[in-house]
């Protein structure tokens, strides 16, 4: 499995990439494999400020629905509109075109508390 070293990870299997105070969030390669074929991504929190670990949406796979948890506190700015027509991007390109939301981070220093690639690899091994 692939866990890019430039990303940070949560124990709930989300990844986050930071550019300035904007975070891009998705689910990990491990998570998408565990869920199976994703058929729907439901995000209705755009414009909302949420705390770290709060639910910001869900992904629906053929056999299950899984909540998505915010890695760090902030305001949800946008969702990946491509997922409306092609939710399978979360499976085929979880760290690229399969990103789920962009978030304005409340405190960028909170990202340091997340897992690095090595710690996340240990968690899922």
PDB file of N, CA and C in Angstrom:
ATOM      1  N   UNK A   1       0.833  -1.184   0.000  1.00  0.00           N
ATOM      2  CA  UNK A   1       0.000   0.000   0.000  1.00  0.00           C
ATOM      3  C   UNK A   1       0.875   1.243   0.000  1.00  0.00           C
ATOM      4  N   UNK A   2       0.274   2.312  -0.453  1.00  0.00           N
ATOM      5  CA  UNK A   2       0.993   3.556  -0.653  1.00  0.00           C
ATOM      6  C   UNK A   2       0.580   4.587   0.399  1.00  0.00           C
ATOM      7  N   UNK A   3       1.562   5.120   1.148  1.00  0.00           N
ATOM      8  CA  UNK A   3       1.321   6.186   2.116  1.00  0.00           C
ATOM      9  C   UNK A   3       2.377   7.268   1.904  1.00  0.00           C
ATOM     10  N   UNK A   4       2.094   8.270   1.071  1.00  0.00           N
ATOM     11  CA  UNK A   4       3.082   9.302   0.758  1.00  0.00           C
ATOM     12  C   UNK A   4       3.635   9.984   2.007  1.00  0.00           C
ATOM     13  N   UNK A   5       4.944  10.206   2.013  1.00  0.00           N
ATOM     14  CA  UNK A   5       5.608  10.773   3.184  1.00  0.00           C
ATOM     15  C   UNK A   5       5.331  12.266   3.367  1.00  0.00           C
ATOM     16  N   UNK A   6       4.815  12.933   2.339  1.00  0.00           N
ATOM     17  CA  UNK A   6       4.531  14.369   2.463  1.00  0.00           C
ATOM     18  C   UNK A   6       3.164  14.655   3.096  1.00  0.00           C
ATOM     19  N   UNK A   7       2.406  13.615   3.414  1.00  0.00           N
ATOM     20  CA  UNK A   7       1.078  13.780   3.992  1.00  0.00           C
ATOM     21  C   UNK A   7       1.107  13.437   5.482  1.00  0.00           C
ATOM     22  N   UNK A   8       0.058  13.872   6.195  1.00  0.00           N
ATOM     23  CA  UNK A   8      -0.156  13.471   7.582  1.00  0.00           C
ATOM     24  C   UNK A   8      -1.435  12.643   7.611  1.00  0.00           C
ATOM     25  N   UNK A   9      -1.574  11.797   8.629  1.00  0.00           N
ATOM     26  CA  UNK A   9      -2.652  10.812   8.668  1.00  0.00           C
ATOM     27  C   UNK A   9      -3.338  10.793  10.025  1.00  0.00           C
ATOM     28  N   UNK A  10      -4.600  10.334  10.015  1.00  0.00           N
ATOM     29  CA  UNK A  10      -5.337  10.154  11.266  1.00  0.00           C
ATOM     30  C   UNK A  10      -5.500   8.663  11.542  1.00  0.00           C
ATOM     31  N   UNK A  11      -5.817   8.339  12.773  1.00  0.00           N
ATOM     32  CA  UNK A  11      -6.092   6.947  13.135  1.00  0.00           C
ATOM     33  C   UNK A  11      -7.390   6.464  12.507  1.00  0.00           C
ATOM     34  N   UNK A  12      -8.221   7.403  12.040  1.00  0.00           N
ATOM     35  CA  UNK A  12      -9.492   7.056  11.385  1.00  0.00           C
ATOM     36  C   UNK A  12      -9.320   6.916   9.872  1.00  0.00           C
ATOM     37  N   UNK A  13      -8.066   7.019   9.391  1.00  0.00           N
ATOM     38  CA  UNK A  13      -7.695   6.742   7.999  1.00  0.00           C
ATOM     39  C   UNK A  13      -7.973   7.877   7.007  1.00  0.00           C
ATOM     40  N   UNK A  14      -7.969   9.122   7.506  1.00  0.00           N
ATOM     41  CA  UNK A  14      -7.967  10.267   6.603  1.00  0.00           C
ATOM     42  C   UNK A  14      -6.532  10.741   6.428  1.00  0.00           C
ATOM     43  N   UNK A  15      -6.270  11.377   5.287  1.00  0.00           N
ATOM     44  CA  UNK A  15      -4.969  12.018   5.065  1.00  0.00           C
ATOM     45  C   UNK A  15      -5.203  13.515   4.901  1.00  0.00           C
ATOM     46  N   UNK A  16      -4.149  14.287   5.140  1.00  0.00           N
ATOM     47  CA  UNK A  16      -4.231  15.734   4.987  1.00  0.00           C
ATOM     48  C   UNK A  16      -2.930  16.246   4.382  1.00  0.00           C
ATOM     49  N   UNK A  17      -3.081  17.178   3.459  1.00  0.00           N
ATOM     50  CA  UNK A  17      -1.964  17.878   2.834  1.00  0.00           C
ATOM     51  C   UNK A  17      -2.166  19.358   3.110  1.00  0.00           C
ATOM     52  N   UNK A  18      -1.118  20.049   3.561  1.00  0.00           N
ATOM     53  CA  UNK A  18      -1.229  21.460   3.933  1.00  0.00           C
ATOM     54  C   UNK A  18      -0.452  22.339   2.960  1.00  0.00           C
ATOM     55  N   UNK A  19      -1.107  23.407   2.525  1.00  0.00           N
ATOM     56  CA  UNK A  19      -0.453  24.436   1.717  1.00  0.00           C
ATOM     57  C   UNK A  19      -0.878  25.775   2.298  1.00  0.00           C
ATOM     58  N   UNK A  20       0.035  26.416   3.049  1.00  0.00           N
ATOM     59  CA  UNK A  20      -0.332  27.624   3.788  1.00  0.00           C
ATOM     60  C   UNK A  20      -1.291  27.245   4.893  1.00  0.00           C
ATOM     61  N   UNK A  21      -2.497  27.837   4.887  1.00  0.00           N
ATOM     62  CA  UNK A  21      -3.500  27.467   5.894  1.00  0.00           C
ATOM     63  C   UNK A  21      -4.657  26.694   5.259  1.00  0.00           C
ATOM     64  N   UNK A  22      -4.425  26.171   4.059  1.00  0.00           N
ATOM     65  CA  UNK A  22      -5.445  25.377   3.362  1.00  0.00           C
ATOM     66  C   UNK A  22      -5.037  23.902   3.381  1.00  0.00           C
ATOM     67  N   UNK A  23      -5.951  23.080   3.848  1.00  0.00           N
ATOM     68  CA  UNK A  23      -5.704  21.635   3.898  1.00  0.00           C
ATOM     69  C   UNK A  23      -6.582  20.945   2.867  1.00  0.00           C
ATOM     70  N   UNK A  24      -6.009  19.972   2.182  1.00  0.00           N
ATOM     71  CA  UNK A  24      -6.767  19.075   1.328  1.00  0.00           C
ATOM     72  C   UNK A  24      -6.876  17.766   2.087  1.00  0.00           C
ATOM     73  N   UNK A  25      -8.084  17.193   2.109  1.00  0.00           N
ATOM     74  CA  UNK A  25      -8.352  15.999   2.919  1.00  0.00           C
ATOM     75  C   UNK A  25      -8.965  14.909   2.048  1.00  0.00           C
ATOM     76  N   UNK A  26      -8.549  13.675   2.293  1.00  0.00           N
ATOM     77  CA  UNK A  26      -9.118  12.516   1.618  1.00  0.00           C
ATOM     78  C   UNK A  26      -9.000  11.310   2.521  1.00  0.00           C
ATOM     79  N   UNK A  27      -9.295  10.132   1.982  1.00  0.00           N
ATOM     80  CA  UNK A  27      -9.094   8.906   2.754  1.00  0.00           C
ATOM     81  C   UNK A  27      -7.891   8.150   2.185  1.00  0.00           C
ATOM     82  N   UNK A  28      -7.281   7.363   3.016  1.00  0.00           N
ATOM     83  CA  UNK A  28      -6.046   6.679   2.643  1.00  0.00           C
ATOM     84  C   UNK A  28      -6.292   5.486   1.711  1.00  0.00           C
ATOM     85  N   UNK A  29      -5.222   5.051   1.117  1.00  0.00           N
ATOM     86  CA  UNK A  29      -5.248   3.859   0.275  1.00  0.00           C
ATOM     87  C   UNK A  29      -5.759   2.666   1.086  1.00  0.00           C
ATOM     88  N   UNK A  30      -5.315   2.560   2.333  1.00  0.00           N
ATOM     89  CA  UNK A  30      -5.785   1.484   3.211  1.00  0.00           C
ATOM     90  C   UNK A  30      -7.307   1.550   3.377  1.00  0.00           C
ATOM     91  N   UNK A  31      -7.828   2.747   3.668  1.00  0.00           N
ATOM     92  CA  UNK A  31      -9.264   2.916   3.894  1.00  0.00           C
ATOM     93  C   UNK A  31     -10.082   2.552   2.665  1.00  0.00           C
ATOM     94  N   UNK A  32      -9.654   3.020   1.496  1.00  0.00           N
ATOM     95  CA  UNK A  32     -10.444   2.730   0.293  1.00  0.00           C
ATOM     96  C   UNK A  32     -10.429   1.242  -0.022  1.00  0.00           C
ATOM     97  N   UNK A  33      -9.316   0.557   0.269  1.00  0.00           N
ATOM     98  CA  UNK A  33      -9.269  -0.895   0.045  1.00  0.00           C
ATOM     99  C   UNK A  33     -10.195  -1.636   1.001  1.00  0.00           C
ATOM    100  N   UNK A  34     -10.225  -1.185   2.255  1.00  0.00           N
ATOM    101  CA  UNK A  34     -11.092  -1.809   3.255  1.00  0.00           C
ATOM    102  C   UNK A  34     -12.568  -1.604   2.912  1.00  0.00           C
ATOM    103  N   UNK A  35     -12.911  -0.421   2.413  1.00  0.00           N
ATOM    104  CA  UNK A  35     -14.302  -0.111   2.086  1.00  0.00           C
ATOM    105  C   UNK A  35     -14.777  -0.825   0.826  1.00  0.00           C
ATOM    106  N   UNK A  36     -13.889  -0.990  -0.139  1.00  0.00           N
ATOM    107  CA  UNK A  36     -14.289  -1.562  -1.423  1.00  0.00           C
ATOM    108  C   UNK A  36     -14.746  -0.461  -2.364  1.00  0.00           C
ATOM    109  N   UNK A  37     -15.515  -0.828  -3.364  1.00  0.00           N
ATOM    110  CA  UNK A  37     -15.925   0.117  -4.402  1.00  0.00           C
ATOM    111  C   UNK A  37     -16.815   1.222  -3.837  1.00  0.00           C
ATOM    112  N   UNK A  38     -16.330   2.446  -3.901  1.00  0.00           N
ATOM    113  CA  UNK A  38     -17.082   3.590  -3.400  1.00  0.00           C
ATOM    114  C   UNK A  38     -18.055   4.049  -4.475  1.00  0.00           C
ATOM    115  N   UNK A  39     -19.320   4.183  -4.065  1.00  0.00           N
ATOM    116  CA  UNK A  39     -20.376   4.515  -5.025  1.00  0.00           C
ATOM    117  C   UNK A  39     -20.971   5.905  -4.783  1.00  0.00           C
ATOM    118  N   UNK A  40     -20.691   6.514  -3.624  1.00  0.00           N
ATOM    119  CA  UNK A  40     -21.272   7.821  -3.334  1.00  0.00           C
ATOM    120  C   UNK A  40     -20.471   8.504  -2.240  1.00  0.00           C
ATOM    121  N   UNK A  41     -20.229   9.805  -2.403  1.00  0.00           N
ATOM    122  CA  UNK A  41     -19.576  10.617  -1.380  1.00  0.00           C
ATOM    123  C   UNK A  41     -20.571  11.697  -0.979  1.00  0.00           C
ATOM    124  N   UNK A  42     -20.890  11.765   0.313  1.00  0.00           N
ATOM    125  CA  UNK A  42     -21.900  12.695   0.822  1.00  0.00           C
ATOM    126  C   UNK A  42     -21.250  13.708   1.754  1.00  0.00           C
ATOM    127  N   UNK A  43     -21.129  14.948   1.279  1.00  0.00           N
ATOM    128  CA  UNK A  43     -20.559  16.027   2.078  1.00  0.00           C
ATOM    129  C   UNK A  43     -21.573  17.171   2.080  1.00  0.00           C
ATOM    130  N   UNK A  44     -22.053  17.549   3.250  1.00  0.00           N
ATOM    131  CA  UNK A  44     -22.990  18.670   3.328  1.00  0.00           C
ATOM    132  C   UNK A  44     -22.549  19.689   4.368  1.00  0.00           C
ATOM    133  N   UNK A  45     -21.227  19.845   4.538  1.00  0.00           N
ATOM    134  CA  UNK A  45     -20.686  20.734   5.561  1.00  0.00           C
ATOM    135  C   UNK A  45     -19.936  21.928   4.982  1.00  0.00           C
ATOM    136  N   UNK A  46     -20.043  22.178   3.674  1.00  0.00           N
ATOM    137  CA  UNK A  46     -19.354  23.324   3.086  1.00  0.00           C
ATOM    138  C   UNK A  46     -19.829  24.607   3.768  1.00  0.00           C
ATOM    139  N   UNK A  47     -18.859  25.446   4.156  1.00  0.00           N
ATOM    140  CA  UNK A  47     -19.168  26.694   4.837  1.00  0.00           C
ATOM    141  C   UNK A  47     -19.220  26.569   6.344  1.00  0.00           C
ATOM    142  N   UNK A  48     -19.173  25.353   6.854  1.00  0.00           N
ATOM    143  CA  UNK A  48     -19.248  25.144   8.302  1.00  0.00           C
ATOM    144  C   UNK A  48     -17.866  25.070   8.922  1.00  0.00           C
ATOM    145  N   UNK A  49     -17.754  25.598  10.130  1.00  0.00           N
ATOM    146  CA  UNK A  49     -16.542  25.441  10.934  1.00  0.00           C
ATOM    147  C   UNK A  49     -16.759  24.263  11.865  1.00  0.00           C
ATOM    148  N   UNK A  50     -15.812  23.341  11.844  1.00  0.00           N
ATOM    149  CA  UNK A  50     -15.927  22.120  12.640  1.00  0.00           C
ATOM    150  C   UNK A  50     -14.648  21.902  13.436  1.00  0.00           C
ATOM    151  N   UNK A  51     -14.768  21.165  14.517  1.00  0.00           N
ATOM    152  CA  UNK A  51     -13.617  20.822  15.325  1.00  0.00           C
ATOM    153  C   UNK A  51     -12.925  19.574  14.806  1.00  0.00           C
ATOM    154  N   UNK A  52     -11.694  19.384  15.235  1.00  0.00           N
ATOM    155  CA  UNK A  52     -10.959  18.170  14.885  1.00  0.00           C
ATOM    156  C   UNK A  52     -11.749  16.958  15.353  1.00  0.00           C
ATOM    157  N   UNK A  53     -11.762  15.922  14.555  1.00  0.00           N
ATOM    158  CA  UNK A  53     -12.444  14.655  14.820  1.00  0.00           C
ATOM    159  C   UNK A  53     -13.961  14.714  14.681  1.00  0.00           C
ATOM    160  N   UNK A  54     -14.512  15.858  14.252  1.00  0.00           N
ATOM    161  CA  UNK A  54     -15.951  15.920  13.989  1.00  0.00           C
ATOM    162  C   UNK A  54     -16.234  15.326  12.612  1.00  0.00           C
ATOM    163  N   UNK A  55     -17.421  14.790  12.445  1.00  0.00           N
ATOM    164  CA  UNK A  55     -17.822  14.189  11.171  1.00  0.00           C
ATOM    165  C   UNK A  55     -18.110  15.296  10.163  1.00  0.00           C
ATOM    166  N   UNK A  56     -17.470  15.213   8.988  1.00  0.00           N
ATOM    167  CA  UNK A  56     -17.721  16.210   7.951  1.00  0.00           C
ATOM    168  C   UNK A  56     -18.466  15.632   6.751  1.00  0.00           C
ATOM    169  N   UNK A  57     -18.730  14.334   6.748  1.00  0.00           N
ATOM    170  CA  UNK A  57     -19.451  13.698   5.656  1.00  0.00           C
ATOM    171  C   UNK A  57     -19.325  12.193   5.764  1.00  0.00           C
ATOM    172  N   UNK A  58     -19.639  11.518   4.648  1.00  0.00           N
ATOM    173  CA  UNK A  58     -19.534  10.060   4.637  1.00  0.00           C
ATOM    174  C   UNK A  58     -19.249   9.572   3.219  1.00  0.00           C
ATOM    175  N   UNK A  59     -18.727   8.357   3.154  1.00  0.00           N
ATOM    176  CA  UNK A  59     -18.555   7.672   1.875  1.00  0.00           C
ATOM    177  C   UNK A  59     -19.371   6.398   1.929  1.00  0.00           C
ATOM    178  N   UNK A  60     -20.025   6.110   0.816  1.00  0.00           N
ATOM    179  CA  UNK A  60     -20.843   4.907   0.720  1.00  0.00           C
ATOM    180  C   UNK A  60     -20.176   3.955  -0.254  1.00  0.00           C
ATOM    181  N   UNK A  61     -19.924   2.762   0.231  1.00  0.00           N
ATOM    182  CA  UNK A  61     -19.398   1.701  -0.610  1.00  0.00           C
ATOM    183  C   UNK A  61     -20.531   0.709  -0.873  1.00  0.00           C
ATOM    184  N   UNK A  62     -20.259  -0.288  -1.678  1.00  0.00           N
ATOM    185  CA  UNK A  62     -21.294  -1.241  -2.051  1.00  0.00           C
ATOM    186  C   UNK A  62     -21.953  -1.863  -0.822  1.00  0.00           C
ATOM    187  N   UNK A  63     -21.161  -2.180   0.213  1.00  0.00           N
ATOM    188  CA  UNK A  63     -21.701  -2.903   1.356  1.00  0.00           C
ATOM    189  C   UNK A  63     -21.752  -2.122   2.666  1.00  0.00           C
ATOM    190  N   UNK A  64     -21.289  -0.857   2.671  1.00  0.00           N
ATOM    191  CA  UNK A  64     -21.224  -0.127   3.936  1.00  0.00           C
ATOM    192  C   UNK A  64     -21.199   1.380   3.706  1.00  0.00           C
ATOM    193  N   UNK A  65     -21.475   2.116   4.775  1.00  0.00           N
ATOM    194  CA  UNK A  65     -21.326   3.572   4.791  1.00  0.00           C
ATOM    195  C   UNK A  65     -20.354   3.887   5.916  1.00  0.00           C
ATOM    196  N   UNK A  66     -19.411   4.776   5.645  1.00  0.00           N
ATOM    197  CA  UNK A  66     -18.403   5.110   6.641  1.00  0.00           C
ATOM    198  C   UNK A  66     -18.350   6.627   6.820  1.00  0.00           C
ATOM    199  N   UNK A  67     -18.359   7.081   8.084  1.00  0.00           N
ATOM    200  CA  UNK A  67     -18.239   8.503   8.374  1.00  0.00           C
ATOM    201  C   UNK A  67     -16.829   8.978   8.074  1.00  0.00           C
ATOM    202  N   UNK A  68     -16.718  10.261   7.746  1.00  0.00           N
ATOM    203  CA  UNK A  68     -15.439  10.916   7.506  1.00  0.00           C
ATOM    204  C   UNK A  68     -15.204  11.914   8.634  1.00  0.00           C
ATOM    205  N   UNK A  69     -14.001  11.880   9.221  1.00  0.00           N
ATOM    206  CA  UNK A  69     -13.680  12.719  10.368  1.00  0.00           C
ATOM    207  C   UNK A  69     -12.644  13.772   9.985  1.00  0.00           C
ATOM    208  N   UNK A  70     -12.872  14.990  10.430  1.00  0.00           N
ATOM    209  CA  UNK A  70     -11.959  16.083  10.139  1.00  0.00           C
ATOM    210  C   UNK A  70     -10.642  15.881  10.892  1.00  0.00           C
ATOM    211  N   UNK A  71      -9.515  15.932  10.193  1.00  0.00           N
ATOM    212  CA  UNK A  71      -8.224  15.729  10.865  1.00  0.00           C
ATOM    213  C   UNK A  71      -7.853  16.865  11.813  1.00  0.00           C
ATOM    214  N   UNK A  72      -8.205  18.096  11.458  1.00  0.00           N
ATOM    215  CA  UNK A  72      -7.902  19.284  12.252  1.00  0.00           C
ATOM    216  C   UNK A  72      -9.099  20.237  12.188  1.00  0.00           C
ATOM    217  N   UNK A  73      -9.198  21.115  13.165  1.00  0.00           N
ATOM    218  CA  UNK A  73     -10.302  22.078  13.193  1.00  0.00           C
ATOM    219  C   UNK A  73     -10.166  23.082  12.055  1.00  0.00           C
ATOM    220  N   UNK A  74     -11.320  23.496  11.524  1.00  0.00           N
ATOM    221  CA  UNK A  74     -11.304  24.511  10.490  1.00  0.00           C
ATOM    222  C   UNK A  74     -12.640  24.642   9.799  1.00  0.00           C
ATOM    223  N   UNK A  75     -12.646  25.440   8.730  1.00  0.00           N
ATOM    224  CA  UNK A  75     -13.864  25.713   7.969  1.00  0.00           C
ATOM    225  C   UNK A  75     -13.793  24.991   6.630  1.00  0.00           C
ATOM    226  N   UNK A  76     -14.802  24.182   6.334  1.00  0.00           N
ATOM    227  CA  UNK A  76     -14.867  23.448   5.074  1.00  0.00           C
ATOM    228  C   UNK A  76     -15.140  24.456   3.951  1.00  0.00           C
ATOM    229  N   UNK A  77     -14.205  24.561   3.009  1.00  0.00           N
ATOM    230  CA  UNK A  77     -14.299  25.545   1.932  1.00  0.00           C
ATOM    231  C   UNK A  77     -14.939  24.997   0.668  1.00  0.00           C
ATOM    232  N   UNK A  78     -14.569  23.772   0.304  1.00  0.00           N
ATOM    233  CA  UNK A  78     -15.104  23.206  -0.937  1.00  0.00           C
ATOM    234  C   UNK A  78     -15.029  21.693  -0.913  1.00  0.00           C
ATOM    235  N   UNK A  79     -15.857  21.096  -1.756  1.00  0.00           N
ATOM    236  CA  UNK A  79     -15.801  19.658  -1.953  1.00  0.00           C
ATOM    237  C   UNK A  79     -15.299  19.388  -3.361  1.00  0.00           C
ATOM    238  N   UNK A  80     -14.810  18.208  -3.569  1.00  0.00           N
ATOM    239  CA  UNK A  80     -14.344  17.795  -4.886  1.00  0.00           C
ATOM    240  C   UNK A  80     -15.579  17.450  -5.721  1.00  0.00           C
ATOM    241  N   UNK A  81     -15.981  18.384  -6.568  1.00  0.00           N
ATOM    242  CA  UNK A  81     -17.201  18.211  -7.375  1.00  0.00           C
ATOM    243  C   UNK A  81     -17.106  17.013  -8.324  1.00  0.00           C
ATOM    244  N   UNK A  82     -15.886  16.629  -8.710  1.00  0.00           N
ATOM    245  CA  UNK A  82     -15.713  15.476  -9.611  1.00  0.00           C
ATOM    246  C   UNK A  82     -16.286  14.198  -9.004  1.00  0.00           C
ATOM    247  N   UNK A  83     -16.315  14.133  -7.683  1.00  0.00           N
ATOM    248  CA  UNK A  83     -16.789  12.918  -7.011  1.00  0.00           C
ATOM    249  C   UNK A  83     -18.294  12.709  -7.182  1.00  0.00           C
ATOM    250  N   UNK A  84     -19.025  13.775  -7.528  1.00  0.00           N
ATOM    251  CA  UNK A  84     -20.464  13.617  -7.781  1.00  0.00           C
ATOM    252  C   UNK A  84     -20.703  12.686  -8.963  1.00  0.00           C
ATOM    253  N   UNK A  85     -19.892  12.815 -10.003  1.00  0.00           N
ATOM    254  CA  UNK A  85     -20.040  11.990 -11.199  1.00  0.00           C
ATOM    255  C   UNK A  85     -19.147  10.758 -11.182  1.00  0.00           C
ATOM    256  N   UNK A  86     -18.050  10.829 -10.418  1.00  0.00           N
ATOM    257  CA  UNK A  86     -17.072   9.728 -10.427  1.00  0.00           C
ATOM    258  C   UNK A  86     -16.550   9.448  -9.018  1.00  0.00           C
ATOM    259  N   UNK A  87     -17.401   8.919  -8.116  1.00  0.00           N
ATOM    260  CA  UNK A  87     -16.950   8.639  -6.750  1.00  0.00           C
ATOM    261  C   UNK A  87     -15.827   7.607  -6.697  1.00  0.00           C
ATOM    262  N   UNK A  88     -15.706   6.811  -7.755  1.00  0.00           N
ATOM    263  CA  UNK A  88     -14.651   5.790  -7.798  1.00  0.00           C
ATOM    264  C   UNK A  88     -13.247   6.392  -7.821  1.00  0.00           C
ATOM    265  N   UNK A  89     -13.119   7.704  -8.046  1.00  0.00           N
ATOM    266  CA  UNK A  89     -11.801   8.360  -7.973  1.00  0.00           C
ATOM    267  C   UNK A  89     -11.173   8.180  -6.594  1.00  0.00           C
ATOM    268  N   UNK A  90     -12.015   8.058  -5.568  1.00  0.00           N
ATOM    269  CA  UNK A  90     -11.497   7.817  -4.223  1.00  0.00           C
ATOM    270  C   UNK A  90     -10.769   6.472  -4.178  1.00  0.00           C
ATOM    271  N   UNK A  91     -11.232   5.501  -4.955  1.00  0.00           N
ATOM    272  CA  UNK A  91     -10.571   4.196  -5.033  1.00  0.00           C
ATOM    273  C   UNK A  91      -9.345   4.229  -5.933  1.00  0.00           C
ATOM    274  N   UNK A  92      -9.479   4.837  -7.104  1.00  0.00           N
ATOM    275  CA  UNK A  92      -8.422   4.738  -8.114  1.00  0.00           C
ATOM    276  C   UNK A  92      -7.282   5.725  -7.901  1.00  0.00           C
ATOM    277  N   UNK A  93      -7.548   6.860  -7.229  1.00  0.00           N
ATOM    278  CA  UNK A  93      -6.525   7.894  -7.040  1.00  0.00           C
ATOM    279  C   UNK A  93      -6.743   8.598  -5.699  1.00  0.00           C
ATOM    280  N   UNK A  94      -6.628   7.861  -4.576  1.00  0.00           N
ATOM    281  CA  UNK A  94      -6.999   8.433  -3.280  1.00  0.00           C
ATOM    282  C   UNK A  94      -6.197   9.672  -2.879  1.00  0.00           C
ATOM    283  N   UNK A  95      -4.942   9.804  -3.339  1.00  0.00           N
ATOM    284  CA  UNK A  95      -4.105  10.935  -2.949  1.00  0.00           C
ATOM    285  C   UNK A  95      -4.042  12.022  -4.026  1.00  0.00           C
ATOM    286  N   UNK A  96      -4.740  11.832  -5.117  1.00  0.00           N
ATOM    287  CA  UNK A  96      -4.726  12.804  -6.209  1.00  0.00           C
ATOM    288  C   UNK A  96      -6.127  13.297  -6.497  1.00  0.00           C
ATOM    289  N   UNK A  97      -6.685  12.874  -7.625  1.00  0.00           N
ATOM    290  CA  UNK A  97      -8.014  13.321  -8.044  1.00  0.00           C
ATOM    291  C   UNK A  97      -9.133  12.840  -7.133  1.00  0.00           C
ATOM    292  N   UNK A  98      -8.830  11.928  -6.203  1.00  0.00           N
ATOM    293  CA  UNK A  98      -9.837  11.426  -5.276  1.00  0.00           C
ATOM    294  C   UNK A  98      -9.912  12.187  -3.957  1.00  0.00           C
ATOM    295  N   UNK A  99      -9.262  13.371  -3.883  1.00  0.00           N
ATOM    296  CA  UNK A  99      -9.379  14.181  -2.659  1.00  0.00           C
ATOM    297  C   UNK A  99     -10.850  14.495  -2.413  1.00  0.00           C
ATOM    298  N   UNK A 100     -11.211  14.774  -1.157  1.00  0.00           N
ATOM    299  CA  UNK A 100     -12.622  14.930  -0.815  1.00  0.00           C
ATOM    300  C   UNK A 100     -13.008  16.378  -0.502  1.00  0.00           C
ATOM    301  N   UNK A 101     -12.264  17.039   0.404  1.00  0.00           N
ATOM    302  CA  UNK A 101     -12.591  18.433   0.729  1.00  0.00           C
ATOM    303  C   UNK A 101     -11.325  19.272   0.822  1.00  0.00           C
ATOM    304  N   UNK A 102     -11.543  20.589   0.755  1.00  0.00           N
ATOM    305  CA  UNK A 102     -10.510  21.578   1.101  1.00  0.00           C
ATOM    306  C   UNK A 102     -11.043  22.334   2.304  1.00  0.00           C
ATOM    307  N   UNK A 103     -10.125  22.665   3.192  1.00  0.00           N
ATOM    308  CA  UNK A 103     -10.456  23.182   4.510  1.00  0.00           C
ATOM    309  C   UNK A 103      -9.536  24.342   4.849  1.00  0.00           C
ATOM    310  N   UNK A 104     -10.086  25.424   5.407  1.00  0.00           N
ATOM    311  CA  UNK A 104      -9.260  26.492   5.966  1.00  0.00           C
ATOM    312  C   UNK A 104      -8.943  26.094   7.402  1.00  0.00           C
ATOM    313  N   UNK A 105      -7.667  25.837   7.663  1.00  0.00           N
ATOM    314  CA  UNK A 105      -7.251  25.297   8.963  1.00  0.00           C
ATOM    315  C   UNK A 105      -7.249  26.401  10.017  1.00  0.00           C
ATOM    316  N   UNK A 106      -7.850  26.087  11.150  1.00  0.00           N
ATOM    317  CA  UNK A 106      -7.911  27.032  12.269  1.00  0.00           C
ATOM    318  C   UNK A 106      -6.531  27.269  12.871  1.00  0.00           C
ATOM    319  N   UNK A 107      -5.781  26.191  13.109  1.00  0.00           N
ATOM    320  CA  UNK A 107      -4.440  26.291  13.686  1.00  0.00           C
ATOM    321  C   UNK A 107      -3.537  25.292  12.964  1.00  0.00           C
ATOM    322  N   UNK A 108      -2.678  25.790  12.086  1.00  0.00           N
ATOM    323  CA  UNK A 108      -1.819  24.928  11.264  1.00  0.00           C
ATOM    324  C   UNK A 108      -0.926  24.032  12.125  1.00  0.00           C
ATOM    325  N   UNK A 109      -0.591  24.480  13.328  1.00  0.00           N
ATOM    326  CA  UNK A 109       0.261  23.684  14.222  1.00  0.00           C
ATOM    327  C   UNK A 109      -0.406  22.374  14.628  1.00  0.00           C
ATOM    328  N   UNK A 110      -1.745  22.285  14.545  1.00  0.00           N
ATOM    329  CA  UNK A 110      -2.455  21.054  14.896  1.00  0.00           C
ATOM    330  C   UNK A 110      -2.068  19.889  13.988  1.00  0.00           C
ATOM    331  N   UNK A 111      -1.628  20.197  12.785  1.00  0.00           N
ATOM    332  CA  UNK A 111      -1.253  19.151  11.831  1.00  0.00           C
ATOM    333  C   UNK A 111      -0.079  18.331  12.365  1.00  0.00           C
ATOM    334  N   UNK A 112       0.799  18.968  13.118  1.00  0.00           N
ATOM    335  CA  UNK A 112       1.971  18.278  13.669  1.00  0.00           C
ATOM    336  C   UNK A 112       1.576  17.131  14.596  1.00  0.00           C
ATOM    337  N   UNK A 113       0.388  17.185  15.172  1.00  0.00           N
ATOM    338  CA  UNK A 113      -0.064  16.132  16.090  1.00  0.00           C
ATOM    339  C   UNK A 113      -0.543  14.880  15.352  1.00  0.00           C
ATOM    340  N   UNK A 114      -0.716  14.973  14.035  1.00  0.00           N
ATOM    341  CA  UNK A 114      -1.179  13.820  13.258  1.00  0.00           C
ATOM    342  C   UNK A 114      -0.032  12.854  12.991  1.00  0.00           C
ATOM    343  N   UNK A 115      -0.368  11.666  12.524  1.00  0.00           N
ATOM    344  CA  UNK A 115       0.629  10.633  12.249  1.00  0.00           C
ATOM    345  C   UNK A 115       1.408  10.943  10.973  1.00  0.00           C
ATOM    346  N   UNK A 116       2.706  10.648  10.988  1.00  0.00           N
ATOM    347  CA  UNK A 116       3.466  10.713   9.743  1.00  0.00           C
ATOM    348  C   UNK A 116       3.305   9.366   9.028  1.00  0.00           C
ATOM    349  N   UNK A 117       3.856   9.260   7.830  1.00  0.00           N
ATOM    350  CA  UNK A 117       3.668   8.045   7.023  1.00  0.00           C
ATOM    351  C   UNK A 117       4.182   6.796   7.745  1.00  0.00           C
ATOM    352  N   UNK A 118       5.298   6.906   8.434  1.00  0.00           N
ATOM    353  CA  UNK A 118       5.867   5.750   9.124  1.00  0.00           C
ATOM    354  C   UNK A 118       4.949   5.283  10.261  1.00  0.00           C
ATOM    355  N   UNK A 119       4.441   6.221  11.051  1.00  0.00           N
ATOM    356  CA  UNK A 119       3.556   5.875  12.161  1.00  0.00           C
ATOM    357  C   UNK A 119       2.238   5.297  11.626  1.00  0.00           C
ATOM    358  N   UNK A 120       1.734   5.860  10.524  1.00  0.00           N
ATOM    359  CA  UNK A 120       0.494   5.339   9.957  1.00  0.00           C
ATOM    360  C   UNK A 120       0.699   3.925   9.411  1.00  0.00           C
ATOM    361  N   UNK A 121       1.828   3.691   8.772  1.00  0.00           N
ATOM    362  CA  UNK A 121       2.137   2.351   8.259  1.00  0.00           C
ATOM    363  C   UNK A 121       2.147   1.333   9.392  1.00  0.00           C
ATOM    364  N   UNK A 122       2.750   1.710  10.510  1.00  0.00           N
ATOM    365  CA  UNK A 122       2.779   0.840  11.690  1.00  0.00           C
ATOM    366  C   UNK A 122       1.362   0.569  12.200  1.00  0.00           C
ATOM    367  N   UNK A 123       0.526   1.608  12.205  1.00  0.00           N
ATOM    368  CA  UNK A 123      -0.858   1.465  12.680  1.00  0.00           C
ATOM    369  C   UNK A 123      -1.631   0.433  11.860  1.00  0.00           C
ATOM    370  N   UNK A 124      -1.478   0.445  10.560  1.00  0.00           N
ATOM    371  CA  UNK A 124      -2.295  -0.438   9.704  1.00  0.00           C
ATOM    372  C   UNK A 124      -1.628  -1.771   9.375  1.00  0.00           C
ATOM    373  N   UNK A 125      -0.419  -1.960   9.858  1.00  0.00           N
ATOM    374  CA  UNK A 125       0.302  -3.213   9.581  1.00  0.00           C
ATOM    375  C   UNK A 125      -0.138  -4.332  10.508  1.00  0.00           C
TER     376      UNK A 125
END
